[in-house]
Protein backbone atom coordinates (compact mmCIF):
# COMPACT_ATOMS: atom_id res chain seq x y z
CA MET A 1 172.04 37.58 72.98
CA GLN A 2 170.34 38.72 69.77
CA ASP A 3 167.11 39.42 71.71
CA GLN A 4 169.02 41.88 73.88
CA LEU A 5 170.42 43.59 70.79
CA SER A 6 167.16 44.43 69.05
CA GLU A 7 166.53 47.73 70.84
CA LEU A 8 168.19 50.99 69.75
CA VAL A 9 168.19 54.20 71.72
CA VAL A 10 169.00 57.33 69.73
CA LEU A 11 169.74 60.67 71.31
CA SER A 12 167.79 63.36 69.49
CA CYS A 13 166.07 66.69 69.96
CA CYS A 14 163.91 65.28 72.77
CA VAL A 15 166.95 65.29 75.09
CA ASP A 16 168.42 68.53 76.38
CA ILE A 17 172.09 68.34 75.43
CA VAL A 18 174.04 70.72 77.62
CA HIS A 19 177.58 69.69 76.78
CA LYS A 20 179.14 70.54 73.45
CA GLY A 21 180.27 67.52 71.48
CA VAL A 22 177.58 65.00 72.42
CA ALA A 23 175.15 65.54 69.55
CA ASP A 24 174.35 62.61 67.29
CA ILE A 25 175.24 59.91 69.78
CA LEU A 26 173.67 56.51 69.27
CA PHE A 27 173.12 54.40 72.38
CA ARG A 28 172.51 50.73 71.68
CA PRO A 29 172.97 47.30 73.23
CA MET A 30 176.40 45.75 72.83
CA GLU A 31 176.87 43.46 69.86
CA GLU A 32 179.40 40.66 69.68
CA ARG A 33 181.55 42.68 67.27
CA ASP A 34 181.89 45.44 69.92
CA SER A 35 183.87 43.39 72.43
CA ALA A 36 187.31 44.26 71.02
CA ARG A 37 186.58 48.01 71.00
CA ILE A 38 185.07 47.83 74.51
CA HIS A 39 188.24 46.09 75.65
CA ASP A 40 190.36 48.82 74.02
CA ILE A 41 188.35 51.62 75.66
CA HIS A 42 188.58 49.94 79.07
CA THR A 43 192.33 49.34 78.68
CA ASP A 44 193.01 52.91 77.48
CA CYS A 45 191.06 54.35 80.41
CA ILE A 46 192.95 52.26 82.93
CA MET A 47 196.33 53.12 81.38
CA LEU A 48 195.75 56.80 80.61
CA SER A 49 193.19 58.08 83.11
CA LEU A 50 193.95 56.37 86.41
CA GLY A 51 197.64 57.15 86.93
CA LYS A 52 196.97 59.83 89.57
CA HIS A 53 195.09 57.37 91.77
CA TYR A 54 196.82 54.04 91.20
CA THR A 55 200.45 52.92 91.05
CA SER A 56 201.97 51.54 87.86
CA LEU A 57 202.08 48.10 89.53
CA GLN A 58 198.36 48.28 90.31
CA ILE A 59 197.57 49.32 86.74
CA ARG A 60 199.74 46.58 85.19
CA THR A 61 198.18 43.99 87.48
CA TRP A 62 194.66 45.25 86.73
CA LEU A 63 195.27 44.75 83.01
CA GLU A 64 196.82 41.27 83.25
CA GLY A 65 194.68 38.47 81.87
CA ARG A 66 191.92 40.68 80.45
CA SER A 67 190.54 40.01 76.97
CA PRO A 68 187.61 40.98 74.73
CA TYR A 69 185.99 37.64 75.56
CA GLY A 70 185.39 38.79 79.15
CA TYR A 71 182.77 41.28 77.99
CA LEU A 72 181.00 38.68 75.85
CA TYR A 73 181.03 36.26 78.76
CA GLY A 74 179.55 38.96 81.01
CA ALA A 75 176.75 39.60 78.51
CA MET A 76 176.05 35.87 78.14
CA THR A 77 175.76 35.48 81.92
CA GLY A 78 173.34 38.32 82.58
CA GLU A 79 175.36 41.51 82.57
CA ASN A 80 173.66 44.30 80.58
CA TYR A 81 175.81 46.39 78.24
CA LEU A 82 175.05 49.56 76.33
CA VAL A 83 177.51 51.28 74.04
CA ALA A 84 177.70 54.86 72.79
CA GLU A 85 178.61 55.49 69.17
CA GLN A 86 179.57 58.87 67.78
CA GLU A 87 180.23 59.34 64.08
CA GLY A 88 180.32 55.55 63.65
CA LEU A 89 182.96 55.02 66.35
CA LEU A 90 182.28 53.29 69.65
CA VAL A 91 183.36 55.86 72.27
CA ALA A 92 181.95 54.58 75.59
CA PHE A 93 180.18 51.73 77.32
CA ILE A 94 178.26 51.00 80.48
CA SER A 95 177.43 47.68 82.09
CA TRP A 96 175.29 46.64 85.03
CA ARG A 97 173.82 43.55 86.61
CA GLY A 98 170.66 43.95 88.67
CA ASP A 99 171.10 46.95 90.96
CA GLU A 100 174.91 47.14 90.62
CA LEU A 101 176.72 49.30 88.09
CA ARG A 102 179.67 47.20 86.94
CA SER A 103 181.50 49.62 84.65
CA LEU A 104 181.23 52.91 82.82
CA PHE A 105 184.16 53.98 80.69
CA VAL A 106 184.51 56.72 78.08
CA CYS A 107 187.51 56.70 75.74
CA PRO A 108 190.08 59.19 77.07
CA GLU A 109 189.79 61.63 74.16
CA ARG A 110 186.01 61.97 74.77
CA GLN A 111 186.10 62.20 78.58
CA GLN A 112 184.63 65.35 80.14
CA SER A 113 182.26 65.71 77.15
CA GLY A 114 179.07 64.59 78.90
CA ILE A 115 178.90 61.16 77.28
CA GLY A 116 179.31 59.31 80.59
CA SER A 117 176.52 61.36 82.16
CA LEU A 118 174.25 60.62 79.21
CA LEU A 119 175.03 56.90 79.43
CA LEU A 120 173.87 56.85 83.05
CA ARG A 121 170.54 58.36 82.00
CA CYS A 122 169.90 56.73 78.62
CA ASP A 123 168.04 53.58 79.72
CA ASP A 124 165.17 53.28 82.21
CA ARG A 125 166.67 50.06 83.59
CA LEU A 126 169.56 52.09 85.00
CA ALA A 127 167.15 53.79 87.40
CA ASP A 128 167.28 50.57 89.46
CA VAL A 129 171.06 50.80 89.91
CA LYS A 130 171.90 51.52 93.55
CA TYR A 131 175.50 50.34 93.98
CA VAL A 132 178.86 50.87 92.33
CA GLN A 133 182.43 49.94 93.21
CA ALA A 134 183.92 53.17 91.91
CA THR A 135 187.49 53.62 90.81
CA LEU A 136 189.11 56.25 92.99
CA ASN A 137 189.09 58.84 90.21
CA ALA A 138 185.32 58.38 89.60
CA VAL A 139 183.98 59.02 93.13
CA GLY A 140 183.18 62.67 92.35
CA PHE A 141 181.48 61.74 89.08
CA TYR A 142 179.15 59.22 90.73
CA GLY A 143 178.50 61.67 93.56
CA LYS A 144 176.87 63.99 91.01
CA PHE A 145 174.29 61.26 90.42
CA GLY A 146 173.41 60.78 94.07
CA PHE A 147 175.81 57.97 94.93
CA GLU A 148 177.38 58.32 98.37
CA PRO A 149 180.56 56.65 99.64
CA VAL A 150 179.79 53.76 101.99
CA SER A 151 183.18 52.14 102.50
CA SER A 152 186.52 51.65 100.87
CA GLY A 153 187.65 48.27 99.71
CA TYR A 154 190.00 46.57 97.33
CA VAL A 155 190.22 43.77 94.85
CA GLU A 156 193.29 41.60 95.31
CA LYS A 157 194.77 40.31 92.07
CA ARG A 158 198.00 38.34 92.05
CA GLY A 159 198.80 39.67 95.51
CA VAL A 160 198.32 43.33 94.55
CA ARG A 161 195.54 45.32 96.18
CA ILE A 162 193.57 47.56 93.82
CA PRO A 163 191.43 49.95 95.89
CA TYR A 164 187.93 51.15 95.11
CA MET A 165 185.15 53.06 96.86
CA HIS A 166 181.89 51.22 97.47
CA MET A 167 179.11 53.74 96.79
CA ARG A 168 175.36 53.54 97.28
CA LYS A 169 172.48 55.62 96.04
CA PRO A 170 170.11 56.25 98.97
CA ASP A 171 166.48 55.27 98.52
CA VAL A 172 164.54 58.18 97.07
CA HIS A 173 161.28 56.95 98.56
CA PRO A 174 162.02 55.52 102.02
CA THR A 175 159.55 52.99 103.33
CA HIS A 176 157.77 53.68 106.59
């Protein structure tokens, strides 16, 4: 995992920052010590940001059995993680495996600041991402990046269905 952690991406004057509040953000690969904070951000987002789209039972079920170790396990088995730090605090993360975006969460107090948009553009490897199972509240966000709804689906956990929207980014250069 240390090999994956050697690269740092720093946002600086070479990037046009349109949104106030996103200056001095450091994007870097996840480190082992980040897993607890990533878990907290993910949990806070589920609890505080998804209530308009999911029932309290769905949210409780979604959170059951999750732990910081799950993110470390994902990284050890090929999932790529980048985190965003602002003023020394981890405020967001993104993960993907191959051409599928697995997660992108920004702590609730920093949502709508542009950090999520910057995360989607901060690493060239993310250009290969074509699929995402979007939470219902994030469909519009991913649509701004060219993802289009393909079908609805759900994850069933302990007998509770948790819906999502399967989205795909159309090929920019179709083959003939």
